[in-house]
């Protein structure tokens, strides 16, 4: 796809792949607007991955849906049972769902049940492997930004060398949706900013449904399930209202679950308003947490703001190193009192710098 501007008012997919080993190359800036032809419920995936798809390229893909998607933006249809795998190697992705009043910051309805990237509602698929790219994902409703849809299942989720910003409410941003189930999550060398919070105009922190009961990273609300969660060499900002910021989602009457949680060489700022920051959501369960939640909190103060310097280290777009530079201003370095206006002051300043 190269620089397309498309409005799809049909119920079927914009692209539907068949067979395995498919490759979609994104060039330029492509925009797809989904209206559903007047229907409030779209069961087809916008881009159906067939029996397997690899997405790559240096362009951007923007998808907006003004209806209630039950099919994924990239993934499988609602009710589709599949073991197809999805690989994303590079690109920029801006996916947004929901019905907005003019000028409103929050939608009044139209949230979906599918994973924006993942399985369709009540459907299934294989693993998701993200090896690079930049993602800005907004998914009100029961589906996750990346992962298994509400009432859906899928395999493992692996994220490497990626920058991801995600917002959802009843599903996890990365993991499973409301009553959904996914395998293990592995995140490496990535920058993650996710929150499961109230997103609708008429929802609030005191509400449970549409109130942010999914985990930021982990399982969705109600009976959502996720396997083990491992995060290495990454910067993570995660938030949830009723779920854990990292771990299991929250539930009024059911029980959400997550397996073991391991953070290695990761700067983590995780905040839950009504549950564990890292661990159990409301009425949830979790396995072993390493390091301890207390040790994780000690790492939060050294979170590095801003975007990384990306240094390409290989021949492919996803082969790169993310470098974060701390605040180097004089006040951050503790040298605001230094001066070099005279020889003596300059000499004293050298002692401070040493």
Protein backbone atom coordinates (compact mmCIF):
# COMPACT_ATOMS: atom_id res chain seq x y z
CA UNK A 1 0.00 0.00 0.00
CA UNK A 2 1.39 3.34 -0.99
CA UNK A 3 -0.30 6.63 -0.06
CA UNK A 4 -3.93 5.47 -0.33
CA UNK A 5 -6.94 7.32 1.06
CA UNK A 6 -9.86 4.91 1.31
CA UNK A 7 -13.39 4.97 2.68
CA UNK A 8 -14.87 1.50 3.10
CA UNK A 9 -18.61 1.50 3.78
CA UNK A 10 -19.00 -2.21 3.15
CA UNK A 11 -19.27 -5.03 5.67
CA UNK A 12 -16.44 -7.07 4.15
CA UNK A 13 -12.71 -6.64 4.70
CA UNK A 14 -10.73 -3.99 2.85
CA UNK A 15 -7.98 -6.59 2.35
CA UNK A 16 -8.44 -10.33 2.75
CA UNK A 17 -5.39 -12.54 2.37
CA UNK A 18 -5.53 -16.24 1.55
CA UNK A 19 -2.95 -18.91 2.20
CA UNK A 20 0.20 -18.44 4.29
CA UNK A 21 3.47 -16.49 3.89
CA UNK A 22 1.66 -13.30 2.82
CA UNK A 23 3.56 -9.99 2.96
CA UNK A 24 2.03 -6.50 3.17
CA UNK A 25 4.45 -3.63 2.47
CA UNK A 26 3.39 -0.17 3.67
CA UNK A 27 4.77 2.88 1.87
CA UNK A 28 3.75 6.52 2.12
CA UNK A 29 0.77 7.48 4.29
CA UNK A 30 -2.33 5.31 3.87
CA UNK A 31 -5.66 6.12 5.55
CA UNK A 32 -8.68 3.80 5.81
CA UNK A 33 -12.01 5.09 7.11
CA UNK A 34 -14.51 2.38 8.08
CA UNK A 35 -18.18 3.30 8.37
CA UNK A 36 -19.83 -0.10 7.99
CA UNK A 37 -22.47 1.07 5.51
CA UNK A 38 -24.79 2.28 8.24
CA UNK A 39 -24.40 -0.83 10.42
CA UNK A 40 -23.20 -0.42 13.99
CA UNK A 41 -21.58 -3.86 14.00
CA UNK A 42 -18.77 -4.92 11.64
CA UNK A 43 -17.79 -8.56 11.89
CA UNK A 44 -15.01 -8.60 9.29
CA UNK A 45 -11.41 -7.66 9.98
CA UNK A 46 -10.28 -4.56 8.13
CA UNK A 47 -7.17 -6.49 7.05
CA UNK A 48 -7.74 -10.23 7.38
CA UNK A 49 -4.41 -12.05 7.70
CA UNK A 50 -5.53 -15.29 6.05
CA UNK A 51 -3.31 -18.18 7.15
CA UNK A 52 -0.42 -15.86 8.04
CA UNK A 53 0.82 -12.33 7.32
CA UNK A 54 4.00 -10.27 7.68
CA UNK A 55 3.67 -6.47 7.68
CA UNK A 56 6.69 -4.30 6.92
CA UNK A 57 7.73 -1.02 5.28
CA UNK A 58 8.60 2.53 6.20
CA UNK A 59 5.17 4.09 5.68
CA UNK A 60 2.23 4.74 8.00
CA UNK A 61 -1.21 3.17 8.24
CA UNK A 62 -4.12 5.02 9.84
CA UNK A 63 -7.44 3.25 10.43
CA UNK A 64 -10.51 4.82 11.99
CA UNK A 65 -13.83 3.05 12.57
CA UNK A 66 -17.12 4.88 13.13
CA UNK A 67 -18.96 1.71 14.09
CA UNK A 68 -18.55 -1.16 16.56
CA UNK A 69 -15.79 -3.45 15.25
CA UNK A 70 -16.05 -7.16 16.03
CA UNK A 71 -13.30 -7.90 13.55
CA UNK A 72 -9.72 -6.79 14.15
CA UNK A 73 -8.07 -3.94 12.29
CA UNK A 74 -5.23 -6.34 11.47
CA UNK A 75 -6.05 -9.92 12.39
CA UNK A 76 -9.07 -12.21 12.14
CA UNK A 77 -12.83 -11.79 11.73
CA UNK A 78 -15.32 -12.03 14.54
CA UNK A 79 -16.13 -15.71 15.26
CA UNK A 80 -13.27 -16.84 12.99
CA UNK A 81 -11.30 -19.78 14.34
CA UNK A 82 -7.70 -19.63 13.13
CA UNK A 83 -4.13 -20.46 14.10
CA UNK A 84 -2.67 -17.86 11.72
CA UNK A 85 0.36 -15.91 12.91
CA UNK A 86 0.90 -12.18 12.49
CA UNK A 87 4.34 -10.57 12.26
CA UNK A 88 4.92 -6.80 12.15
CA UNK A 89 8.51 -5.78 11.41
CA UNK A 90 8.25 -2.01 10.94
CA UNK A 91 5.96 0.91 10.11
CA UNK A 92 3.83 3.50 11.89
CA UNK A 93 0.31 2.54 12.95
CA UNK A 94 -2.45 4.89 14.15
CA UNK A 95 -5.63 2.93 14.97
CA UNK A 96 -8.69 4.48 16.58
CA UNK A 97 -12.24 3.30 17.18
CA UNK A 98 -15.34 4.92 18.66
CA UNK A 99 -18.11 7.40 17.84
CA UNK A 100 -17.20 11.01 18.64
CA UNK A 101 -19.33 14.14 18.89
CA UNK A 102 -17.82 17.09 17.05
CA UNK A 103 -14.89 18.46 19.04
CA UNK A 104 -15.23 15.85 21.80
CA UNK A 105 -12.12 14.27 23.30
CA UNK A 106 -13.97 11.13 24.41
CA UNK A 107 -16.32 8.89 22.37
CA UNK A 108 -19.98 8.55 23.31
CA UNK A 109 -20.19 4.97 22.00
CA UNK A 110 -19.05 2.62 19.29
CA UNK A 111 -16.32 0.78 21.16
CA UNK A 112 -15.33 -2.56 19.74
CA UNK A 113 -14.84 -6.10 21.00
CA UNK A 114 -11.97 -7.16 18.77
CA UNK A 115 -8.27 -6.65 19.29
CA UNK A 116 -7.18 -3.73 17.13
CA UNK A 117 -4.21 -5.94 16.32
CA UNK A 118 -5.19 -9.54 17.08
CA UNK A 119 -8.19 -11.82 17.03
CA UNK A 120 -11.80 -10.97 16.27
CA UNK A 121 -14.58 -11.13 18.86
CA UNK A 122 -15.21 -14.73 19.96
CA UNK A 123 -12.50 -15.79 17.53
CA UNK A 124 -8.97 -17.13 17.70
CA UNK A 125 -5.56 -16.80 16.06
CA UNK A 126 -1.92 -17.83 16.58
CA UNK A 127 1.02 -15.78 17.82
CA UNK A 128 1.67 -12.06 17.33
CA UNK A 129 5.32 -11.07 16.81
CA UNK A 130 6.12 -7.35 16.70
CA UNK A 131 9.77 -6.74 15.80
CA UNK A 132 9.66 -2.96 15.40
CA UNK A 133 7.42 -0.03 14.58
CA UNK A 134 5.57 2.83 16.26
CA UNK A 135 1.98 2.32 17.44
CA UNK A 136 -0.69 4.76 18.67
CA UNK A 137 -3.78 2.70 19.53
CA UNK A 138 -7.14 3.80 21.02
CA UNK A 139 -9.62 0.99 21.72
CA UNK A 140 -12.68 1.73 23.88
CA UNK A 141 -14.79 -1.36 24.55
CA UNK A 142 -14.00 -4.93 25.46
CA UNK A 143 -11.11 -5.59 23.09
CA UNK A 144 -7.40 -5.01 23.69
CA UNK A 145 -5.13 -2.79 21.66
CA UNK A 146 -2.89 -5.79 20.91
CA UNK A 147 -3.97 -9.34 21.70
CA UNK A 148 -6.94 -11.68 22.12
CA UNK A 149 -10.38 -10.16 21.61
CA UNK A 150 -13.24 -10.20 24.09
CA UNK A 151 -14.37 -13.85 24.38
CA UNK A 152 -11.46 -14.72 22.07
CA UNK A 153 -8.24 -16.70 22.34
CA UNK A 154 -4.79 -16.49 20.81
CA UNK A 155 -1.19 -17.62 21.23
CA UNK A 156 1.79 -15.70 22.57
CA UNK A 157 2.51 -11.96 22.16
CA UNK A 158 6.10 -10.86 21.55
CA UNK A 159 7.11 -7.20 21.26
CA UNK A 160 10.68 -6.12 20.43
CA UNK A 161 12.21 -2.79 19.41
CA UNK A 162 8.84 -1.03 19.36
CA UNK A 163 7.27 2.18 20.66
CA UNK A 164 3.67 1.59 21.76
CA UNK A 165 1.07 3.96 23.16
CA UNK A 166 -2.26 2.32 23.96
CA UNK A 167 -5.55 3.23 25.63
CA UNK A 168 -8.44 0.89 26.35
CA UNK A 169 -10.94 0.19 29.15
CA UNK A 170 -12.46 -3.30 29.54
CA UNK A 171 -9.58 -5.04 27.79
CA UNK A 172 -5.86 -4.92 28.46
CA UNK A 173 -3.80 -2.68 26.22
CA UNK A 174 -1.38 -5.54 25.56
CA UNK A 175 -2.79 -8.97 26.41
CA UNK A 176 -6.34 -10.27 26.43
CA UNK A 177 -9.73 -8.62 26.12
CA UNK A 178 -12.81 -8.84 28.35
CA UNK A 179 -13.25 -12.61 29.02
CA UNK A 180 -10.42 -13.22 26.53
CA UNK A 181 -7.42 -15.52 26.89
CA UNK A 182 -3.89 -15.24 25.49
CA UNK A 183 -0.58 -17.01 26.05
CA UNK A 184 2.64 -15.47 27.33
CA UNK A 185 3.71 -11.85 26.83
CA UNK A 186 7.37 -11.01 26.13
CA UNK A 187 8.45 -7.36 25.75
CA UNK A 188 12.08 -6.48 24.99
CA UNK A 189 13.96 -3.28 24.18
CA UNK A 190 10.76 -1.27 23.81
CA UNK A 191 9.09 1.87 25.10
CA UNK A 192 5.55 1.25 26.34
CA UNK A 193 2.91 3.78 27.46
CA UNK A 194 -0.41 2.05 28.20
CA UNK A 195 -3.51 2.69 30.29
CA UNK A 196 -6.80 0.87 30.89
CA UNK A 197 -9.00 3.74 32.05
CA UNK A 198 -12.53 5.14 31.51
CA UNK A 199 -12.68 6.35 27.89
CA UNK A 200 -16.34 7.15 27.20
CA UNK A 201 -18.02 10.50 27.82
CA UNK A 202 -20.47 8.89 30.26
CA UNK A 203 -18.01 6.59 32.06
CA UNK A 204 -16.00 7.34 35.17
CA UNK A 205 -13.52 5.87 37.62
CA UNK A 206 -16.31 4.76 39.97
CA UNK A 207 -17.93 2.63 37.25
CA UNK A 208 -16.84 -0.93 36.59
CA UNK A 209 -18.03 -1.67 33.05
CA UNK A 210 -16.24 0.74 30.68
CA UNK A 211 -14.41 1.92 33.77
CA UNK A 212 -10.92 0.59 33.12
CA UNK A 213 -11.04 -2.98 34.41
CA UNK A 214 -8.41 -4.38 32.07
CA UNK A 215 -4.74 -4.42 32.98
CA UNK A 216 -2.36 -2.06 31.24
CA UNK A 217 -0.27 -5.11 30.31
CA UNK A 218 -1.86 -8.46 31.12
CA UNK A 219 -5.41 -9.80 31.15
CA UNK A 220 -8.72 -8.15 30.37
CA UNK A 221 -11.60 -7.70 32.75
CA UNK A 222 -14.16 -10.14 34.16
CA UNK A 223 -12.67 -13.59 33.35
CA UNK A 224 -9.69 -12.44 31.29
CA UNK A 225 -6.60 -14.69 31.33
CA UNK A 226 -2.96 -14.25 30.37
CA UNK A 227 0.10 -16.45 30.73
CA UNK A 228 3.48 -15.32 32.01
CA UNK A 229 4.58 -11.70 31.50
CA UNK A 230 8.27 -10.95 30.93
CA UNK A 231 9.59 -7.44 30.27
CA UNK A 232 13.29 -6.84 29.57
CA UNK A 233 15.46 -3.84 28.72
CA UNK A 234 12.46 -1.53 28.34
CA UNK A 235 10.83 1.65 29.63
CA UNK A 236 7.24 1.08 30.78
CA UNK A 237 4.50 3.47 31.85
CA UNK A 238 1.39 1.48 32.77
CA UNK A 239 -1.90 2.43 34.44
CA UNK A 240 -5.24 0.83 35.26
CA UNK A 241 -8.33 1.70 37.25
CA UNK A 242 -9.68 -1.68 38.46
CA UNK A 243 -6.99 -3.97 37.04
CA UNK A 244 -3.31 -4.15 37.85
CA UNK A 245 -1.17 -1.84 35.78
CA UNK A 246 0.87 -4.97 34.96
CA UNK A 247 -0.77 -8.29 35.77
CA UNK A 248 -4.38 -9.45 35.92
CA UNK A 249 -7.46 -7.41 35.12
CA UNK A 250 -10.25 -6.55 37.53
CA UNK A 251 -13.63 -8.23 37.99
CA UNK A 252 -16.84 -7.66 39.89
CA UNK A 253 -18.04 -11.26 40.01
CA UNK A 254 -15.45 -13.30 38.13
CA UNK A 255 -11.74 -13.80 38.52
CA UNK A 256 -9.05 -12.55 36.14
CA UNK A 257 -5.68 -14.23 36.15
CA UNK A 258 -2.07 -13.74 35.11
CA UNK A 259 0.92 -16.04 35.38
CA UNK A 260 4.38 -15.14 36.64
CA UNK A 261 5.61 -11.56 36.12
CA UNK A 262 9.31 -10.91 35.54
CA UNK A 263 10.94 -7.52 34.99
CA UNK A 264 14.59 -7.49 33.96
CA UNK A 265 16.64 -4.31 33.49
CA UNK A 266 13.39 -2.39 33.03
CA UNK A 267 12.44 1.08 34.22
CA UNK A 268 8.83 0.79 35.28
CA UNK A 269 6.25 3.32 36.46
CA UNK A 270 3.12 1.24 37.13
CA UNK A 271 0.05 2.68 38.88
CA UNK A 272 -3.34 1.09 39.64
CA UNK A 273 -6.02 3.16 41.34
CA UNK A 274 -7.87 0.24 42.97
CA UNK A 275 -5.59 -2.80 42.76
CA UNK A 276 -1.94 -3.85 42.78
CA UNK A 277 0.37 -1.73 40.69
CA UNK A 278 2.14 -4.90 39.59
CA UNK A 279 0.26 -8.10 40.39
CA UNK A 280 -3.45 -8.71 41.02
CA UNK A 281 -6.38 -6.75 39.70
CA UNK A 282 -9.60 -6.41 41.72
CA UNK A 283 -10.66 -10.03 42.47
CA UNK A 284 -7.75 -11.23 40.34
CA UNK A 285 -4.93 -13.72 40.78
CA UNK A 286 -1.27 -13.69 39.78
CA UNK A 287 1.78 -15.97 39.97
CA UNK A 288 5.24 -15.08 41.23
CA UNK A 289 6.50 -11.50 40.78
CA UNK A 290 10.23 -10.85 40.20
CA UNK A 291 11.61 -8.51 41.44
CA UNK A 292 9.25 -7.78 44.30
CA UNK A 293 6.64 -5.02 43.89
CA UNK A 294 8.56 -2.93 46.45
CA UNK A 295 11.75 -3.16 44.38
CA UNK A 296 9.83 -2.26 41.23
CA UNK A 297 8.53 0.93 42.88
CA UNK A 298 12.09 2.00 43.64
CA UNK A 299 12.83 2.02 39.91
CA UNK A 300 10.00 4.40 39.00
CA UNK A 301 11.79 7.61 39.95
CA UNK A 302 14.44 7.12 37.27
CA UNK A 303 12.02 6.83 34.36
CA UNK A 304 13.41 8.69 31.36
CA UNK A 305 10.92 11.00 29.60
CA UNK A 306 10.82 11.66 25.87
CA UNK A 307 11.44 9.59 22.80
CA UNK A 308 14.63 7.60 22.26
CA UNK A 309 17.44 8.21 19.81
CA UNK A 310 17.07 5.28 17.41
CA UNK A 311 20.36 4.02 15.99
CA UNK A 312 20.08 1.52 13.16
CA UNK A 313 22.46 -1.38 13.69
CA UNK A 314 21.65 -3.64 10.73
CA UNK A 315 20.34 -3.85 7.21
CA UNK A 316 16.67 -4.23 8.19
CA UNK A 317 14.33 -1.51 9.51
CA UNK A 318 13.71 -3.35 12.79
CA UNK A 319 17.40 -3.81 13.64
CA UNK A 320 18.06 -0.85 15.88
CA UNK A 321 19.14 0.31 19.31
CA UNK A 322 17.02 2.67 21.44
CA UNK A 323 19.17 5.16 23.38
CA UNK A 324 17.62 7.27 26.16
CA UNK A 325 19.55 10.32 27.40
CA UNK A 326 18.79 11.51 30.91
CA UNK A 327 18.18 15.13 31.83
CA UNK A 328 21.54 16.88 31.36
CA UNK A 329 20.52 20.37 32.46
CA UNK A 330 22.64 21.97 35.24
CA UNK A 331 19.90 21.69 37.88
CA UNK A 332 19.42 17.97 37.13
CA UNK A 333 23.17 17.42 37.39
CA UNK A 334 23.40 19.38 40.64
CA UNK A 335 25.86 21.98 39.31
CA UNK A 336 23.74 25.14 39.28
CA UNK A 337 26.09 26.84 41.74
CA UNK A 338 29.15 26.45 39.56
CA UNK A 339 30.67 29.43 37.75
CA UNK A 340 33.63 30.09 35.48
CA UNK A 341 33.70 33.90 35.55
CA UNK A 342 37.03 33.95 37.41
CA UNK A 343 40.01 31.61 37.57
CA UNK A 344 39.30 30.74 41.21
CA UNK A 345 35.62 30.00 40.55
CA UNK A 346 36.51 27.87 37.56
CA UNK A 347 38.93 25.89 39.70
CA UNK A 348 36.28 25.39 42.37
CA UNK A 349 33.78 24.26 39.70
CA UNK A 350 36.20 21.59 38.56
CA UNK A 351 36.22 20.18 42.08
CA UNK A 352 32.40 20.00 41.99
CA UNK A 353 32.38 18.24 38.61
CA UNK A 354 34.97 15.73 39.78
